[in-house]
């Protein structure tokens, strides 16, 4: 693992399942830093939650979360190691 890489978790709440394909497109663009994934759909409410384990640089994670956060109806939170 390169010294600048950090390990962390990214939580994604998709409040509108119509946006799921956009979310998956962005995740695919950053697949090199995704080390694990779990997804839980809630079809009754038309929502889903995705949890991702990440290993990447601050720049990569920042760009990734920024793209996801710009999708309407999508909320993103991350927690990363300090170093």
C-alpha atoms as a PDB file:
ATOM      1  CA  UNK A   1       0.000   0.000   0.000  1.00  0.00           C
ATOM      2  CA  UNK A   2       1.548   3.337  -1.018  1.00  0.00           C
ATOM      3  CA  UNK A   3       2.294   5.699   1.877  1.00  0.00           C
ATOM      4  CA  UNK A   4      -0.268   8.288   0.724  1.00  0.00           C
ATOM      5  CA  UNK A   5      -3.116   5.737   0.551  1.00  0.00           C
ATOM      6  CA  UNK A   6      -5.676   5.651   3.323  1.00  0.00           C
ATOM      7  CA  UNK A   7      -8.246   3.023   4.218  1.00  0.00           C
ATOM      8  CA  UNK A   8     -11.832   3.932   4.913  1.00  0.00           C
ATOM      9  CA  UNK A   9     -15.539   3.506   4.479  1.00  0.00           C
ATOM     10  CA  UNK A  10     -17.953   5.312   2.187  1.00  0.00           C
ATOM     11  CA  UNK A  11     -21.672   5.264   2.937  1.00  0.00           C
ATOM     12  CA  UNK A  12     -24.057   6.104   0.097  1.00  0.00           C
ATOM     13  CA  UNK A  13     -27.799   6.632   0.514  1.00  0.00           C
ATOM     14  CA  UNK A  14     -29.752   6.658  -2.733  1.00  0.00           C
ATOM     15  CA  UNK A  15     -33.041   8.370  -1.957  1.00  0.00           C
ATOM     16  CA  UNK A  16     -34.311   7.867  -5.523  1.00  0.00           C
ATOM     17  CA  UNK A  17     -33.644   4.478  -7.112  1.00  0.00           C
ATOM     18  CA  UNK A  18     -33.876   6.115 -10.541  1.00  0.00           C
ATOM     19  CA  UNK A  19     -30.373   7.484  -9.733  1.00  0.00           C
ATOM     20  CA  UNK A  20     -28.898   4.030  -9.029  1.00  0.00           C
ATOM     21  CA  UNK A  21     -27.460   3.620 -12.536  1.00  0.00           C
ATOM     22  CA  UNK A  22     -25.595   6.953 -12.230  1.00  0.00           C
ATOM     23  CA  UNK A  23     -24.219   5.901  -8.844  1.00  0.00           C
ATOM     24  CA  UNK A  24     -23.049   2.573 -10.271  1.00  0.00           C
ATOM     25  CA  UNK A  25     -21.382   4.338 -13.214  1.00  0.00           C
ATOM     26  CA  UNK A  26     -19.342   6.494 -10.823  1.00  0.00           C
ATOM     27  CA  UNK A  27     -18.449   3.488  -8.657  1.00  0.00           C
ATOM     28  CA  UNK A  28     -17.220   1.709 -11.804  1.00  0.00           C
ATOM     29  CA  UNK A  29     -15.011   4.711 -12.649  1.00  0.00           C
ATOM     30  CA  UNK A  30     -13.302   4.365  -9.255  1.00  0.00           C
ATOM     31  CA  UNK A  31     -13.263   0.570  -9.010  1.00  0.00           C
ATOM     32  CA  UNK A  32      -9.480   0.544  -8.512  1.00  0.00           C
ATOM     33  CA  UNK A  33      -9.887   2.013  -5.010  1.00  0.00           C
ATOM     34  CA  UNK A  34     -12.958  -0.034  -4.001  1.00  0.00           C
ATOM     35  CA  UNK A  35     -11.940  -3.122  -2.003  1.00  0.00           C
ATOM     36  CA  UNK A  36     -15.400  -4.193  -0.812  1.00  0.00           C
ATOM     37  CA  UNK A  37     -19.063  -3.427  -1.377  1.00  0.00           C
ATOM     38  CA  UNK A  38     -22.413  -4.176   0.199  1.00  0.00           C
ATOM     39  CA  UNK A  39     -25.751  -2.925  -1.052  1.00  0.00           C
ATOM     40  CA  UNK A  40     -29.155  -3.056   0.588  1.00  0.00           C
ATOM     41  CA  UNK A  41     -32.194  -1.976  -1.441  1.00  0.00           C
ATOM     42  CA  UNK A  42     -35.449  -0.889   0.190  1.00  0.00           C
ATOM     43  CA  UNK A  43     -37.955  -1.345  -2.623  1.00  0.00           C
ATOM     44  CA  UNK A  44     -40.924  -0.361  -0.453  1.00  0.00           C
ATOM     45  CA  UNK A  45     -39.448   3.121   0.016  1.00  0.00           C
ATOM     46  CA  UNK A  46     -37.696   3.326  -3.354  1.00  0.00           C
ATOM     47  CA  UNK A  47     -34.305   3.789  -1.665  1.00  0.00           C
ATOM     48  CA  UNK A  48     -31.026   1.925  -1.239  1.00  0.00           C
ATOM     49  CA  UNK A  49     -27.909   2.038   0.911  1.00  0.00           C
ATOM     50  CA  UNK A  50     -24.461   1.094  -0.384  1.00  0.00           C
ATOM     51  CA  UNK A  51     -21.392   0.657   1.794  1.00  0.00           C
ATOM     52  CA  UNK A  52     -17.939   0.692   0.200  1.00  0.00           C
ATOM     53  CA  UNK A  53     -14.544  -0.131   1.667  1.00  0.00           C
ATOM     54  CA  UNK A  54     -11.853   2.017   0.071  1.00  0.00           C
ATOM     55  CA  UNK A  55      -8.082   2.182  -0.210  1.00  0.00           C
ATOM     56  CA  UNK A  56      -6.862   5.311  -1.973  1.00  0.00           C
ATOM     57  CA  UNK A  57      -5.304   8.751  -1.800  1.00  0.00           C
ATOM     58  CA  UNK A  58      -7.065  11.850  -0.486  1.00  0.00           C
ATOM     59  CA  UNK A  59      -7.292  13.117  -4.066  1.00  0.00           C
ATOM     60  CA  UNK A  60      -8.939   9.937  -5.347  1.00  0.00           C
ATOM     61  CA  UNK A  61     -11.410   9.672  -2.471  1.00  0.00           C
ATOM     62  CA  UNK A  62     -12.254  13.386  -2.681  1.00  0.00           C
ATOM     63  CA  UNK A  63     -12.959  13.199  -6.408  1.00  0.00           C
ATOM     64  CA  UNK A  64     -15.022  10.034  -5.926  1.00  0.00           C
ATOM     65  CA  UNK A  65     -17.182  11.430  -3.123  1.00  0.00           C
ATOM     66  CA  UNK A  66     -17.571  14.726  -4.977  1.00  0.00           C
ATOM     67  CA  UNK A  67     -18.948  13.033  -8.097  1.00  0.00           C
ATOM     68  CA  UNK A  68     -21.333  10.914  -6.057  1.00  0.00           C
ATOM     69  CA  UNK A  69     -22.467  13.887  -3.967  1.00  0.00           C
ATOM     70  CA  UNK A  70     -23.348  15.846  -7.096  1.00  0.00           C
ATOM     71  CA  UNK A  71     -25.948  13.283  -8.145  1.00  0.00           C
ATOM     72  CA  UNK A  72     -29.414  14.550  -7.139  1.00  0.00           C
ATOM     73  CA  UNK A  73     -31.074  12.422  -4.469  1.00  0.00           C
ATOM     74  CA  UNK A  74     -27.788  10.872  -3.310  1.00  0.00           C
ATOM     75  CA  UNK A  75     -26.197  11.431   0.118  1.00  0.00           C
ATOM     76  CA  UNK A  76     -22.561  10.487   0.785  1.00  0.00           C
ATOM     77  CA  UNK A  77     -20.520  10.239   4.004  1.00  0.00           C
ATOM     78  CA  UNK A  78     -16.998   8.939   4.435  1.00  0.00           C
ATOM     79  CA  UNK A  79     -14.702   7.964   7.270  1.00  0.00           C
ATOM     80  CA  UNK A  80     -11.002   7.502   6.514  1.00  0.00           C
ATOM     81  CA  UNK A  81      -7.906   6.611   8.512  1.00  0.00           C
ATOM     82  CA  UNK A  82      -5.780   9.592   9.526  1.00  0.00           C
ATOM     83  CA  UNK A  83      -2.713   8.199   7.734  1.00  0.00           C
END
